[in-house]
């Protein structure tokens, strides 16, 4: 009997220390069309690869797990999916084959890197502003426009601290994100009291 218990304990111990199998779901970049990628991540293939190249140095962290590290492309896809759809962390993590705790660490890290590597500035030079007005006028014959503003409520799980501050006007917990775009559909950080889209998300 004692031998049987020892055998079971040994098998359970080995099961708990089973080698982690990382499921690389980044093949979506190779199989999805640009239209599908935009629907899921708000960016086409070329833009996503550009983001990956820019943030790679910031999000590639040393690890003691050998080859079991989450590659930059998965980290970027996780972050873009979260920003685009406002899914729960658990859902974003499941879609991309990682744990919820990994997703919670990845998203702020990638957002900080995007902010650093893609600085956004709105024009203040009078000639630049005039050029912006001209570009908008050519689009819709609407005068004196220098930016288009919009916002979105991204649903989140109930926070442990300061919970009431995250209840939106529709009655659920969310991050209220606002942004401005120019006539070339590029973002500006001159929104919501100088908070850009990603800056708002990570505080």
C-alpha atoms as a PDB file:
ATOM      1  CA  UNK A   1       0.000   0.000   0.000  1.00  0.00           C
ATOM      2  CA  UNK A   2       2.775   2.408   0.922  1.00  0.00           C
ATOM      3  CA  UNK A   3       4.520   1.640  -2.383  1.00  0.00           C
ATOM      4  CA  UNK A   4       1.334   2.429  -4.303  1.00  0.00           C
ATOM      5  CA  UNK A   5       0.912   5.785  -2.512  1.00  0.00           C
ATOM      6  CA  UNK A   6       4.550   6.655  -3.228  1.00  0.00           C
ATOM      7  CA  UNK A   7       4.061   5.803  -6.911  1.00  0.00           C
ATOM      8  CA  UNK A   8       0.945   7.998  -7.136  1.00  0.00           C
ATOM      9  CA  UNK A   9       2.727  10.876  -5.382  1.00  0.00           C
ATOM     10  CA  UNK A  10       5.620  10.605  -7.833  1.00  0.00           C
ATOM     11  CA  UNK A  11       3.270  10.654 -10.854  1.00  0.00           C
ATOM     12  CA  UNK A  12       1.366  13.661  -9.478  1.00  0.00           C
ATOM     13  CA  UNK A  13       4.627  15.513  -8.816  1.00  0.00           C
ATOM     14  CA  UNK A  14       5.785  14.917 -12.401  1.00  0.00           C
ATOM     15  CA  UNK A  15       2.402  16.065 -13.739  1.00  0.00           C
ATOM     16  CA  UNK A  16       2.674  19.330 -11.809  1.00  0.00           C
ATOM     17  CA  UNK A  17       6.160  19.956 -13.232  1.00  0.00           C
ATOM     18  CA  UNK A  18       5.196  19.075 -16.785  1.00  0.00           C
ATOM     19  CA  UNK A  19       7.061  21.144 -19.328  1.00  0.00           C
ATOM     20  CA  UNK A  20       5.097  24.171 -20.459  1.00  0.00           C
ATOM     21  CA  UNK A  21       3.811  23.874 -24.017  1.00  0.00           C
ATOM     22  CA  UNK A  22       3.536  27.270 -25.676  1.00  0.00           C
ATOM     23  CA  UNK A  23       0.929  27.466 -28.422  1.00  0.00           C
ATOM     24  CA  UNK A  24       2.049  29.971 -31.046  1.00  0.00           C
ATOM     25  CA  UNK A  25      -1.128  31.490 -32.502  1.00  0.00           C
ATOM     26  CA  UNK A  26       0.717  34.159 -34.480  1.00  0.00           C
ATOM     27  CA  UNK A  27      -0.031  32.292 -37.714  1.00  0.00           C
ATOM     28  CA  UNK A  28      -3.021  34.643 -38.082  1.00  0.00           C
ATOM     29  CA  UNK A  29      -0.575  37.088 -39.650  1.00  0.00           C
ATOM     30  CA  UNK A  30       0.176  34.543 -42.349  1.00  0.00           C
ATOM     31  CA  UNK A  31      -3.328  33.179 -42.944  1.00  0.00           C
ATOM     32  CA  UNK A  32      -5.740  36.073 -42.366  1.00  0.00           C
ATOM     33  CA  UNK A  33      -6.411  38.629 -45.092  1.00  0.00           C
ATOM     34  CA  UNK A  34      -5.782  42.320 -44.420  1.00  0.00           C
ATOM     35  CA  UNK A  35      -9.549  42.774 -44.162  1.00  0.00           C
ATOM     36  CA  UNK A  36      -9.778  40.080 -41.481  1.00  0.00           C
ATOM     37  CA  UNK A  37      -6.836  41.542 -39.571  1.00  0.00           C
ATOM     38  CA  UNK A  38      -8.374  45.007 -39.611  1.00  0.00           C
ATOM     39  CA  UNK A  39     -11.676  43.576 -38.356  1.00  0.00           C
ATOM     40  CA  UNK A  40      -9.907  41.842 -35.461  1.00  0.00           C
ATOM     41  CA  UNK A  41      -6.938  44.108 -34.686  1.00  0.00           C
ATOM     42  CA  UNK A  42      -7.731  47.433 -36.447  1.00  0.00           C
ATOM     43  CA  UNK A  43      -4.474  47.233 -38.444  1.00  0.00           C
ATOM     44  CA  UNK A  44      -3.427  45.522 -41.654  1.00  0.00           C
ATOM     45  CA  UNK A  45      -0.507  43.106 -41.932  1.00  0.00           C
ATOM     46  CA  UNK A  46       2.133  45.693 -42.840  1.00  0.00           C
ATOM     47  CA  UNK A  47       1.173  47.987 -39.960  1.00  0.00           C
ATOM     48  CA  UNK A  48       1.219  45.119 -37.465  1.00  0.00           C
ATOM     49  CA  UNK A  49       4.677  44.041 -38.619  1.00  0.00           C
ATOM     50  CA  UNK A  50       5.872  47.639 -38.335  1.00  0.00           C
ATOM     51  CA  UNK A  51       4.639  47.789 -34.739  1.00  0.00           C
ATOM     52  CA  UNK A  52       6.320  44.468 -33.960  1.00  0.00           C
ATOM     53  CA  UNK A  53       9.642  45.702 -35.369  1.00  0.00           C
ATOM     54  CA  UNK A  54       9.453  48.943 -33.388  1.00  0.00           C
ATOM     55  CA  UNK A  55       8.602  47.439 -29.995  1.00  0.00           C
ATOM     56  CA  UNK A  56      10.663  44.243 -30.265  1.00  0.00           C
ATOM     57  CA  UNK A  57      13.589  45.588 -28.242  1.00  0.00           C
ATOM     58  CA  UNK A  58      11.347  46.685 -25.373  1.00  0.00           C
ATOM     59  CA  UNK A  59       9.174  43.595 -25.056  1.00  0.00           C
ATOM     60  CA  UNK A  60      11.768  40.856 -25.565  1.00  0.00           C
ATOM     61  CA  UNK A  61      12.664  40.040 -21.974  1.00  0.00           C
ATOM     62  CA  UNK A  62      15.313  37.651 -20.616  1.00  0.00           C
ATOM     63  CA  UNK A  63      13.873  34.415 -19.266  1.00  0.00           C
ATOM     64  CA  UNK A  64      15.028  31.331 -17.393  1.00  0.00           C
ATOM     65  CA  UNK A  65      12.603  29.145 -19.367  1.00  0.00           C
ATOM     66  CA  UNK A  66      14.862  28.567 -22.343  1.00  0.00           C
ATOM     67  CA  UNK A  67      12.819  28.777 -25.515  1.00  0.00           C
ATOM     68  CA  UNK A  68       9.489  29.179 -23.714  1.00  0.00           C
ATOM     69  CA  UNK A  69       9.190  32.943 -24.078  1.00  0.00           C
ATOM     70  CA  UNK A  70       6.195  34.747 -25.558  1.00  0.00           C
ATOM     71  CA  UNK A  71       7.430  36.220 -28.857  1.00  0.00           C
ATOM     72  CA  UNK A  72       6.952  39.918 -29.673  1.00  0.00           C
ATOM     73  CA  UNK A  73       4.401  39.191 -32.399  1.00  0.00           C
ATOM     74  CA  UNK A  74       2.101  37.420 -29.939  1.00  0.00           C
ATOM     75  CA  UNK A  75       2.540  40.250 -27.432  1.00  0.00           C
ATOM     76  CA  UNK A  76       1.602  42.827 -30.055  1.00  0.00           C
ATOM     77  CA  UNK A  77      -1.403  40.809 -31.260  1.00  0.00           C
ATOM     78  CA  UNK A  78      -2.653  40.399 -27.685  1.00  0.00           C
ATOM     79  CA  UNK A  79      -2.363  44.131 -27.063  1.00  0.00           C
ATOM     80  CA  UNK A  80      -3.965  45.199 -30.340  1.00  0.00           C
ATOM     81  CA  UNK A  81      -6.845  42.762 -29.830  1.00  0.00           C
ATOM     82  CA  UNK A  82      -7.474  44.113 -26.340  1.00  0.00           C
ATOM     83  CA  UNK A  83      -7.403  47.715 -27.553  1.00  0.00           C
ATOM     84  CA  UNK A  84      -9.527  46.984 -30.625  1.00  0.00           C
ATOM     85  CA  UNK A  85     -12.258  44.857 -29.056  1.00  0.00           C
ATOM     86  CA  UNK A  86     -12.195  45.528 -25.345  1.00  0.00           C
ATOM     87  CA  UNK A  87     -12.400  41.780 -24.635  1.00  0.00           C
ATOM     88  CA  UNK A  88     -11.803  40.472 -21.138  1.00  0.00           C
ATOM     89  CA  UNK A  89      -8.177  39.573 -20.468  1.00  0.00           C
ATOM     90  CA  UNK A  90      -9.108  35.908 -20.135  1.00  0.00           C
ATOM     91  CA  UNK A  91     -10.692  35.908 -23.598  1.00  0.00           C
ATOM     92  CA  UNK A  92      -7.760  37.728 -25.214  1.00  0.00           C
ATOM     93  CA  UNK A  93      -5.354  35.317 -23.535  1.00  0.00           C
ATOM     94  CA  UNK A  94      -7.319  32.228 -24.647  1.00  0.00           C
ATOM     95  CA  UNK A  95      -7.485  33.415 -28.260  1.00  0.00           C
ATOM     96  CA  UNK A  96      -3.701  33.780 -28.417  1.00  0.00           C
ATOM     97  CA  UNK A  97      -2.767  30.705 -26.383  1.00  0.00           C
ATOM     98  CA  UNK A  98      -1.306  32.404 -23.292  1.00  0.00           C
ATOM     99  CA  UNK A  99      -2.330  32.751 -19.659  1.00  0.00           C
ATOM    100  CA  UNK A 100      -4.434  35.597 -18.301  1.00  0.00           C
ATOM    101  CA  UNK A 101      -1.605  36.678 -15.993  1.00  0.00           C
ATOM    102  CA  UNK A 102       0.769  36.888 -18.962  1.00  0.00           C
ATOM    103  CA  UNK A 103      -1.724  39.029 -20.882  1.00  0.00           C
ATOM    104  CA  UNK A 104      -2.080  41.389 -17.919  1.00  0.00           C
ATOM    105  CA  UNK A 105       1.685  41.974 -17.917  1.00  0.00           C
ATOM    106  CA  UNK A 106       2.071  42.138 -21.681  1.00  0.00           C
ATOM    107  CA  UNK A 107      -0.518  44.812 -22.490  1.00  0.00           C
ATOM    108  CA  UNK A 108       0.914  47.672 -20.366  1.00  0.00           C
ATOM    109  CA  UNK A 109       4.443  46.771 -21.510  1.00  0.00           C
ATOM    110  CA  UNK A 110       3.547  46.892 -25.207  1.00  0.00           C
ATOM    111  CA  UNK A 111       1.503  50.077 -24.744  1.00  0.00           C
ATOM    112  CA  UNK A 112       4.452  51.852 -23.107  1.00  0.00           C
ATOM    113  CA  UNK A 113       6.705  50.760 -25.951  1.00  0.00           C
ATOM    114  CA  UNK A 114       4.224  51.972 -28.585  1.00  0.00           C
ATOM    115  CA  UNK A 115       4.017  55.358 -26.872  1.00  0.00           C
ATOM    116  CA  UNK A 116       7.796  55.595 -26.838  1.00  0.00           C
ATOM    117  CA  UNK A 117       8.390  54.416 -30.397  1.00  0.00           C
ATOM    118  CA  UNK A 118       5.465  56.129 -32.122  1.00  0.00           C
ATOM    119  CA  UNK A 119       5.487  59.688 -30.746  1.00  0.00           C
ATOM    120  CA  UNK A 120       2.385  61.621 -31.788  1.00  0.00           C
ATOM    121  CA  UNK A 121       2.312  65.405 -32.031  1.00  0.00           C
ATOM    122  CA  UNK A 122      -0.452  67.677 -33.256  1.00  0.00           C
ATOM    123  CA  UNK A 123       0.640  70.625 -35.447  1.00  0.00           C
ATOM    124  CA  UNK A 124       0.896  74.047 -33.819  1.00  0.00           C
ATOM    125  CA  UNK A 125       2.558  75.877 -36.698  1.00  0.00           C
ATOM    126  CA  UNK A 126       0.020  78.187 -38.469  1.00  0.00           C
ATOM    127  CA  UNK A 127       1.016  76.920 -41.913  1.00  0.00           C
ATOM    128  CA  UNK A 128       0.678  73.280 -40.802  1.00  0.00           C
ATOM    129  CA  UNK A 129      -2.775  74.018 -39.397  1.00  0.00           C
ATOM    130  CA  UNK A 130      -3.806  75.673 -42.673  1.00  0.00           C
ATOM    131  CA  UNK A 131      -2.576  72.618 -44.581  1.00  0.00           C
ATOM    132  CA  UNK A 132      -4.619  70.384 -42.287  1.00  0.00           C
ATOM    133  CA  UNK A 133      -7.765  72.446 -42.879  1.00  0.00           C
ATOM    134  CA  UNK A 134      -7.188  72.210 -46.628  1.00  0.00           C
ATOM    135  CA  UNK A 135      -6.839  68.409 -46.485  1.00  0.00           C
ATOM    136  CA  UNK A 136     -10.066  68.030 -44.504  1.00  0.00           C
ATOM    137  CA  UNK A 137     -11.894  70.376 -46.868  1.00  0.00           C
ATOM    138  CA  UNK A 138     -10.865  68.236 -49.821  1.00  0.00           C
ATOM    139  CA  UNK A 139     -12.383  65.189 -48.123  1.00  0.00           C
ATOM    140  CA  UNK A 140     -15.872  66.542 -47.394  1.00  0.00           C
ATOM    141  CA  UNK A 141     -15.981  70.254 -48.316  1.00  0.00           C
ATOM    142  CA  UNK A 142     -16.269  71.074 -44.602  1.00  0.00           C
ATOM    143  CA  UNK A 143     -14.287  74.212 -43.651  1.00  0.00           C
ATOM    144  CA  UNK A 144     -11.978  74.925 -40.690  1.00  0.00           C
ATOM    145  CA  UNK A 145     -11.576  71.324 -39.481  1.00  0.00           C
ATOM    146  CA  UNK A 146      -8.211  70.266 -38.041  1.00  0.00           C
ATOM    147  CA  UNK A 147      -9.201  66.995 -36.340  1.00  0.00           C
ATOM    148  CA  UNK A 148     -11.910  64.364 -35.914  1.00  0.00           C
ATOM    149  CA  UNK A 149     -12.682  63.177 -32.392  1.00  0.00           C
ATOM    150  CA  UNK A 150     -14.318  59.959 -31.227  1.00  0.00           C
ATOM    151  CA  UNK A 151     -14.424  57.764 -28.162  1.00  0.00           C
ATOM    152  CA  UNK A 152     -15.162  54.237 -27.060  1.00  0.00           C
ATOM    153  CA  UNK A 153     -15.958  52.446 -23.813  1.00  0.00           C
ATOM    154  CA  UNK A 154     -13.758  49.380 -23.354  1.00  0.00           C
ATOM    155  CA  UNK A 155     -15.317  46.937 -20.919  1.00  0.00           C
ATOM    156  CA  UNK A 156     -13.086  45.623 -18.128  1.00  0.00           C
ATOM    157  CA  UNK A 157     -13.404  43.222 -15.244  1.00  0.00           C
ATOM    158  CA  UNK A 158     -14.457  44.771 -11.926  1.00  0.00           C
ATOM    159  CA  UNK A 159     -11.374  46.434 -10.361  1.00  0.00           C
ATOM    160  CA  UNK A 160     -10.413  45.579  -6.786  1.00  0.00           C
ATOM    161  CA  UNK A 161      -9.663  49.199  -5.896  1.00  0.00           C
ATOM    162  CA  UNK A 162     -11.714  52.343  -6.530  1.00  0.00           C
ATOM    163  CA  UNK A 163     -14.375  50.219  -8.239  1.00  0.00           C
ATOM    164  CA  UNK A 164     -17.018  52.971  -8.485  1.00  0.00           C
ATOM    165  CA  UNK A 165     -14.734  55.205 -10.566  1.00  0.00           C
ATOM    166  CA  UNK A 166     -14.792  52.684 -13.402  1.00  0.00           C
ATOM    167  CA  UNK A 167     -18.586  52.439 -13.776  1.00  0.00           C
ATOM    168  CA  UNK A 168     -19.482  54.138 -17.065  1.00  0.00           C
ATOM    169  CA  UNK A 169     -22.698  55.963 -17.978  1.00  0.00           C
ATOM    170  CA  UNK A 170     -24.065  52.686 -19.387  1.00  0.00           C
ATOM    171  CA  UNK A 171     -23.745  50.992 -16.019  1.00  0.00           C
ATOM    172  CA  UNK A 172     -20.791  48.616 -16.542  1.00  0.00           C
ATOM    173  CA  UNK A 173     -17.096  48.808 -15.686  1.00  0.00           C
ATOM    174  CA  UNK A 174     -15.086  50.314 -18.510  1.00  0.00           C
ATOM    175  CA  UNK A 175     -12.193  52.498 -19.581  1.00  0.00           C
ATOM    176  CA  UNK A 176     -13.352  55.649 -21.354  1.00  0.00           C
ATOM    177  CA  UNK A 177     -10.970  56.183 -24.266  1.00  0.00           C
ATOM    178  CA  UNK A 178     -10.930  59.203 -26.555  1.00  0.00           C
ATOM    179  CA  UNK A 179      -8.748  60.136 -29.502  1.00  0.00           C
ATOM    180  CA  UNK A 180      -8.343  62.655 -32.317  1.00  0.00           C
ATOM    181  CA  UNK A 181      -7.263  61.828 -35.867  1.00  0.00           C
ATOM    182  CA  UNK A 182      -6.020  64.132 -38.616  1.00  0.00           C
ATOM    183  CA  UNK A 183      -6.984  64.164 -42.291  1.00  0.00           C
ATOM    184  CA  UNK A 184      -4.524  61.352 -43.011  1.00  0.00           C
ATOM    185  CA  UNK A 185      -6.183  59.137 -40.353  1.00  0.00           C
ATOM    186  CA  UNK A 186      -3.192  59.467 -38.036  1.00  0.00           C
ATOM    187  CA  UNK A 187      -3.736  59.802 -34.297  1.00  0.00           C
ATOM    188  CA  UNK A 188      -3.105  62.783 -32.076  1.00  0.00           C
ATOM    189  CA  UNK A 189      -2.452  62.965 -28.345  1.00  0.00           C
ATOM    190  CA  UNK A 190      -4.484  66.182 -28.033  1.00  0.00           C
ATOM    191  CA  UNK A 191      -7.570  64.371 -26.806  1.00  0.00           C
ATOM    192  CA  UNK A 192      -9.280  64.005 -23.440  1.00  0.00           C
ATOM    193  CA  UNK A 193      -7.097  66.508 -21.676  1.00  0.00           C
ATOM    194  CA  UNK A 194      -3.909  65.581 -23.496  1.00  0.00           C
ATOM    195  CA  UNK A 195      -4.373  61.853 -22.932  1.00  0.00           C
ATOM    196  CA  UNK A 196      -3.932  59.784 -26.080  1.00  0.00           C
ATOM    197  CA  UNK A 197      -5.655  56.480 -26.681  1.00  0.00           C
ATOM    198  CA  UNK A 198      -2.984  54.205 -25.289  1.00  0.00           C
ATOM    199  CA  UNK A 199      -1.899  56.642 -22.568  1.00  0.00           C
ATOM    200  CA  UNK A 200      -5.445  56.547 -21.208  1.00  0.00           C
ATOM    201  CA  UNK A 201      -5.494  52.759 -21.168  1.00  0.00           C
ATOM    202  CA  UNK A 202      -2.390  52.302 -19.067  1.00  0.00           C
ATOM    203  CA  UNK A 203      -2.764  55.388 -16.869  1.00  0.00           C
END
